[in-house]
Amino acid sequence: MKIQTTTPETLREPLALEMQGARFGGKRIDQRSVEVLESLGRNPAATINSAMIGRAATAGAYRFFSNTMVTPELILSGHRQQSILLAAASASIRLHPSP
């Protein structure tokens, strides 16, 4: 199975938009979240060591994930918020009763 990868240009803007709702407690860590998730998003099957470019970026990713303020729920909160906004803006959502 081939995993589709993305380029930084196609990933950066949507990812930054998605991460707007996730606030980790400071400008530096918020920026780090975009950098780390952007690198991992290029190849989701890669390990952190493989996904990050250089030792400093790898160490930064490990620091990011070991930070007590970073939780899976907080990482996903921006995505959840953007999904709700997109759903609310869409007039084509229809609910079908289940049988």
N, C-alpha and C. Protein backbone atom coordinates (compact mmCIF):
# COMPACT_ATOMS: atom_id res chain seq x y z
N MET A 1 0.85 -1.17 0.00
CA MET A 1 0.00 0.00 0.00
C MET A 1 0.90 1.24 0.00
N LYS A 2 0.63 2.14 -0.91
CA LYS A 2 1.40 3.37 -1.00
C LYS A 2 0.72 4.46 -0.17
N ILE A 3 1.51 5.13 0.64
CA ILE A 3 0.99 6.22 1.46
C ILE A 3 1.24 7.52 0.73
N GLN A 4 0.18 8.29 0.55
CA GLN A 4 0.30 9.57 -0.14
C GLN A 4 0.92 10.59 0.80
N THR A 5 1.91 11.28 0.30
CA THR A 5 2.53 12.33 1.10
C THR A 5 2.14 13.68 0.53
N THR A 6 2.35 14.70 1.33
CA THR A 6 2.01 16.06 0.90
C THR A 6 3.26 16.92 0.91
N THR A 7 3.18 18.03 0.26
CA THR A 7 4.29 18.97 0.25
C THR A 7 4.05 20.02 1.33
N PRO A 8 5.09 20.68 1.78
CA PRO A 8 4.91 21.72 2.81
C PRO A 8 3.94 22.80 2.38
N GLU A 9 3.93 23.13 1.09
CA GLU A 9 3.07 24.21 0.61
C GLU A 9 1.60 23.82 0.72
N THR A 10 1.27 22.55 0.46
CA THR A 10 -0.13 22.14 0.51
C THR A 10 -0.60 21.85 1.92
N LEU A 11 0.33 21.65 2.84
CA LEU A 11 -0.03 21.28 4.19
C LEU A 11 -0.04 22.44 5.17
N ARG A 12 0.87 23.36 5.03
CA ARG A 12 1.10 24.40 6.05
C ARG A 12 -0.13 25.23 6.37
N GLU A 13 -0.77 25.79 5.36
CA GLU A 13 -1.90 26.69 5.62
C GLU A 13 -3.08 25.98 6.27
N PRO A 14 -3.55 24.84 5.73
CA PRO A 14 -4.66 24.17 6.39
C PRO A 14 -4.32 23.69 7.80
N LEU A 15 -3.09 23.25 8.00
CA LEU A 15 -2.68 22.78 9.32
C LEU A 15 -2.65 23.93 10.32
N ALA A 16 -2.13 25.06 9.91
CA ALA A 16 -2.10 26.23 10.78
C ALA A 16 -3.53 26.64 11.14
N LEU A 17 -4.43 26.56 10.18
CA LEU A 17 -5.82 26.90 10.43
C LEU A 17 -6.44 25.91 11.41
N GLU A 18 -6.16 24.64 11.22
CA GLU A 18 -6.69 23.62 12.13
C GLU A 18 -6.16 23.80 13.54
N MET A 19 -4.91 24.21 13.67
CA MET A 19 -4.29 24.31 14.98
C MET A 19 -4.64 25.62 15.70
N GLN A 20 -5.36 26.52 15.04
CA GLN A 20 -5.73 27.78 15.69
C GLN A 20 -6.54 27.55 16.96
N GLY A 21 -7.36 26.52 16.96
CA GLY A 21 -8.19 26.25 18.12
C GLY A 21 -7.45 25.60 19.27
N ALA A 22 -6.27 25.08 19.02
CA ALA A 22 -5.49 24.41 20.06
C ALA A 22 -4.46 25.38 20.62
N ARG A 23 -4.60 25.72 21.86
CA ARG A 23 -3.66 26.63 22.52
C ARG A 23 -2.94 25.86 23.61
N PHE A 24 -1.63 25.75 23.44
CA PHE A 24 -0.82 24.94 24.34
C PHE A 24 -0.19 25.74 25.47
N GLY A 25 -0.36 27.04 25.48
CA GLY A 25 0.13 27.83 26.59
C GLY A 25 1.24 28.81 26.26
N GLY A 26 1.51 29.02 25.00
CA GLY A 26 2.54 29.99 24.64
C GLY A 26 2.78 30.00 23.14
N LYS A 27 3.29 31.10 22.66
CA LYS A 27 3.52 31.27 21.23
C LYS A 27 4.51 30.24 20.68
N ARG A 28 5.58 29.99 21.43
CA ARG A 28 6.61 29.05 20.95
C ARG A 28 6.07 27.63 20.83
N ILE A 29 5.34 27.18 21.84
CA ILE A 29 4.83 25.81 21.78
C ILE A 29 3.70 25.69 20.75
N ASP A 30 2.92 26.75 20.57
CA ASP A 30 1.89 26.74 19.52
C ASP A 30 2.55 26.61 18.14
N GLN A 31 3.63 27.35 17.92
CA GLN A 31 4.36 27.26 16.65
C GLN A 31 5.00 25.89 16.50
N ARG A 32 5.53 25.36 17.58
CA ARG A 32 6.15 24.03 17.54
C ARG A 32 5.11 22.98 17.15
N SER A 33 3.87 23.13 17.63
CA SER A 33 2.82 22.17 17.29
C SER A 33 2.61 22.11 15.79
N VAL A 34 2.59 23.25 15.13
CA VAL A 34 2.41 23.28 13.69
C VAL A 34 3.60 22.63 12.99
N GLU A 35 4.81 22.95 13.45
CA GLU A 35 6.01 22.39 12.84
C GLU A 35 6.06 20.87 12.98
N VAL A 36 5.76 20.38 14.18
CA VAL A 36 5.81 18.94 14.42
C VAL A 36 4.74 18.22 13.62
N LEU A 37 3.51 18.72 13.68
CA LEU A 37 2.42 18.05 12.98
C LEU A 37 2.57 18.16 11.47
N GLU A 38 3.17 19.24 11.00
CA GLU A 38 3.44 19.39 9.58
C GLU A 38 4.44 18.31 9.13
N SER A 39 5.50 18.12 9.89
CA SER A 39 6.49 17.11 9.55
C SER A 39 5.90 15.70 9.60
N LEU A 40 5.13 15.42 10.63
CA LEU A 40 4.51 14.10 10.73
C LEU A 40 3.44 13.91 9.65
N GLY A 41 2.78 14.99 9.26
CA GLY A 41 1.74 14.90 8.23
C GLY A 41 2.28 14.59 6.85
N ARG A 42 3.54 14.92 6.60
CA ARG A 42 4.14 14.59 5.30
C ARG A 42 4.22 13.09 5.08
N ASN A 43 4.42 12.36 6.16
CA ASN A 43 4.49 10.90 6.08
C ASN A 43 3.98 10.34 7.41
N PRO A 44 2.67 10.13 7.51
CA PRO A 44 2.08 9.72 8.78
C PRO A 44 2.60 8.38 9.31
N ALA A 45 3.12 7.53 8.45
CA ALA A 45 3.62 6.23 8.90
C ALA A 45 5.04 6.31 9.45
N ALA A 46 5.70 7.44 9.30
CA ALA A 46 7.09 7.58 9.73
C ALA A 46 7.19 7.73 11.24
N THR A 47 8.33 7.33 11.77
CA THR A 47 8.61 7.57 13.18
C THR A 47 8.97 9.05 13.35
N ILE A 48 9.00 9.52 14.57
CA ILE A 48 9.39 10.91 14.81
C ILE A 48 10.80 11.14 14.29
N ASN A 49 11.70 10.21 14.56
CA ASN A 49 13.09 10.36 14.09
C ASN A 49 13.17 10.47 12.57
N SER A 50 12.34 9.73 11.86
CA SER A 50 12.36 9.77 10.39
C SER A 50 11.65 11.00 9.84
N ALA A 51 10.59 11.42 10.51
CA ALA A 51 9.77 12.53 9.99
C ALA A 51 10.42 13.89 10.18
N MET A 52 11.14 14.05 11.27
CA MET A 52 11.73 15.35 11.58
C MET A 52 13.05 15.50 10.83
N ILE A 53 13.33 16.72 10.41
CA ILE A 53 14.55 17.00 9.65
C ILE A 53 15.58 17.59 10.60
N GLY A 54 16.56 16.80 10.95
CA GLY A 54 17.64 17.28 11.81
C GLY A 54 17.43 16.93 13.27
N ARG A 55 18.54 16.97 14.00
CA ARG A 55 18.51 16.63 15.43
C ARG A 55 17.73 17.63 16.26
N ALA A 56 17.86 18.90 15.94
CA ALA A 56 17.15 19.93 16.72
C ALA A 56 15.64 19.76 16.57
N ALA A 57 15.18 19.50 15.36
CA ALA A 57 13.75 19.32 15.13
C ALA A 57 13.24 18.06 15.82
N THR A 58 14.05 17.00 15.80
CA THR A 58 13.67 15.76 16.48
C THR A 58 13.57 15.98 17.98
N ALA A 59 14.57 16.64 18.55
CA ALA A 59 14.54 16.93 19.98
C ALA A 59 13.34 17.82 20.32
N GLY A 60 13.05 18.79 19.47
CA GLY A 60 11.89 19.66 19.68
C GLY A 60 10.58 18.90 19.66
N ALA A 61 10.48 17.92 18.77
CA ALA A 61 9.27 17.10 18.71
C ALA A 61 9.10 16.29 19.98
N TYR A 62 10.18 15.68 20.45
CA TYR A 62 10.09 14.92 21.70
C TYR A 62 9.76 15.82 22.89
N ARG A 63 10.33 17.03 22.92
CA ARG A 63 9.98 17.98 23.98
C ARG A 63 8.51 18.38 23.90
N PHE A 64 8.03 18.58 22.68
CA PHE A 64 6.62 18.94 22.49
C PHE A 64 5.71 17.86 23.07
N PHE A 65 5.94 16.60 22.67
CA PHE A 65 5.06 15.52 23.12
C PHE A 65 5.23 15.18 24.60
N SER A 66 6.38 15.52 25.19
CA SER A 66 6.57 15.23 26.61
C SER A 66 6.09 16.38 27.50
N ASN A 67 5.70 17.50 26.91
CA ASN A 67 5.19 18.63 27.67
C ASN A 67 3.86 18.24 28.31
N THR A 68 3.71 18.51 29.58
CA THR A 68 2.48 18.13 30.29
C THR A 68 1.25 18.87 29.79
N MET A 69 1.45 19.99 29.12
CA MET A 69 0.30 20.75 28.59
C MET A 69 -0.21 20.17 27.27
N VAL A 70 0.55 19.28 26.66
CA VAL A 70 0.17 18.69 25.38
C VAL A 70 -0.54 17.37 25.64
N THR A 71 -1.80 17.31 25.24
CA THR A 71 -2.60 16.10 25.40
C THR A 71 -3.22 15.75 24.04
N PRO A 72 -3.57 14.49 23.84
CA PRO A 72 -4.24 14.14 22.58
C PRO A 72 -5.51 14.96 22.35
N GLU A 73 -6.25 15.20 23.43
CA GLU A 73 -7.49 15.98 23.31
C GLU A 73 -7.21 17.40 22.84
N LEU A 74 -6.14 18.00 23.37
CA LEU A 74 -5.80 19.37 22.97
C LEU A 74 -5.29 19.41 21.53
N ILE A 75 -4.51 18.41 21.14
CA ILE A 75 -4.03 18.35 19.76
C ILE A 75 -5.22 18.27 18.80
N LEU A 76 -6.22 17.47 19.15
CA LEU A 76 -7.39 17.30 18.29
C LEU A 76 -8.42 18.43 18.42
N SER A 77 -8.30 19.27 19.42
CA SER A 77 -9.31 20.31 19.65
C SER A 77 -9.43 21.28 18.48
N GLY A 78 -8.31 21.63 17.86
CA GLY A 78 -8.37 22.53 16.71
C GLY A 78 -9.10 21.89 15.54
N HIS A 79 -8.82 20.62 15.31
CA HIS A 79 -9.49 19.89 14.23
C HIS A 79 -10.99 19.79 14.52
N ARG A 80 -11.32 19.49 15.76
CA ARG A 80 -12.72 19.38 16.15
C ARG A 80 -13.44 20.71 15.93
N GLN A 81 -12.80 21.80 16.35
CA GLN A 81 -13.40 23.13 16.21
C GLN A 81 -13.61 23.48 14.73
N GLN A 82 -12.62 23.22 13.89
CA GLN A 82 -12.75 23.52 12.46
C GLN A 82 -13.81 22.64 11.82
N SER A 83 -13.93 21.39 12.24
CA SER A 83 -14.96 20.49 11.69
C SER A 83 -16.35 21.01 12.02
N ILE A 84 -16.53 21.50 13.24
CA ILE A 84 -17.82 22.05 13.64
C ILE A 84 -18.14 23.30 12.83
N LEU A 85 -17.15 24.17 12.63
CA LEU A 85 -17.37 25.38 11.84
C LEU A 85 -17.72 25.04 10.39
N LEU A 86 -17.02 24.06 9.82
CA LEU A 86 -17.32 23.67 8.44
C LEU A 86 -18.71 23.05 8.33
N ALA A 87 -19.08 22.24 9.31
CA ALA A 87 -20.40 21.62 9.30
C ALA A 87 -21.49 22.67 9.43
N ALA A 88 -21.27 23.66 10.29
CA ALA A 88 -22.27 24.71 10.48
C ALA A 88 -22.42 25.57 9.24
N ALA A 89 -21.34 25.73 8.48
CA ALA A 89 -21.38 26.57 7.29
C ALA A 89 -21.94 25.83 6.08
N SER A 90 -22.03 24.53 6.17
CA SER A 90 -22.50 23.74 5.03
C SER A 90 -24.02 23.58 5.07
N ALA A 91 -24.63 23.92 3.96
CA ALA A 91 -26.09 23.79 3.88
C ALA A 91 -26.50 22.43 3.36
N SER A 92 -25.54 21.58 3.03
CA SER A 92 -25.87 20.31 2.40
C SER A 92 -25.80 19.12 3.37
N ILE A 93 -25.71 19.37 4.65
CA ILE A 93 -25.69 18.28 5.61
C ILE A 93 -27.11 17.81 5.85
N ARG A 94 -27.31 16.53 5.66
CA ARG A 94 -28.64 15.96 5.87
C ARG A 94 -28.52 14.77 6.80
N LEU A 95 -29.41 14.70 7.71
CA LEU A 95 -29.44 13.56 8.62
C LEU A 95 -30.49 12.59 8.13
N HIS A 96 -30.11 11.33 8.07
CA HIS A 96 -31.03 10.29 7.64
C HIS A 96 -31.33 9.39 8.82
N PRO A 97 -32.60 9.17 9.07
CA PRO A 97 -32.92 8.28 10.19
C PRO A 97 -32.45 6.86 9.89
N SER A 98 -31.96 6.20 10.89
CA SER A 98 -31.54 4.82 10.67
C SER A 98 -32.74 3.90 10.78
N PRO A 99 -32.73 2.81 10.05
CA PRO A 99 -33.90 1.91 10.06
C PRO A 99 -34.08 1.19 11.37
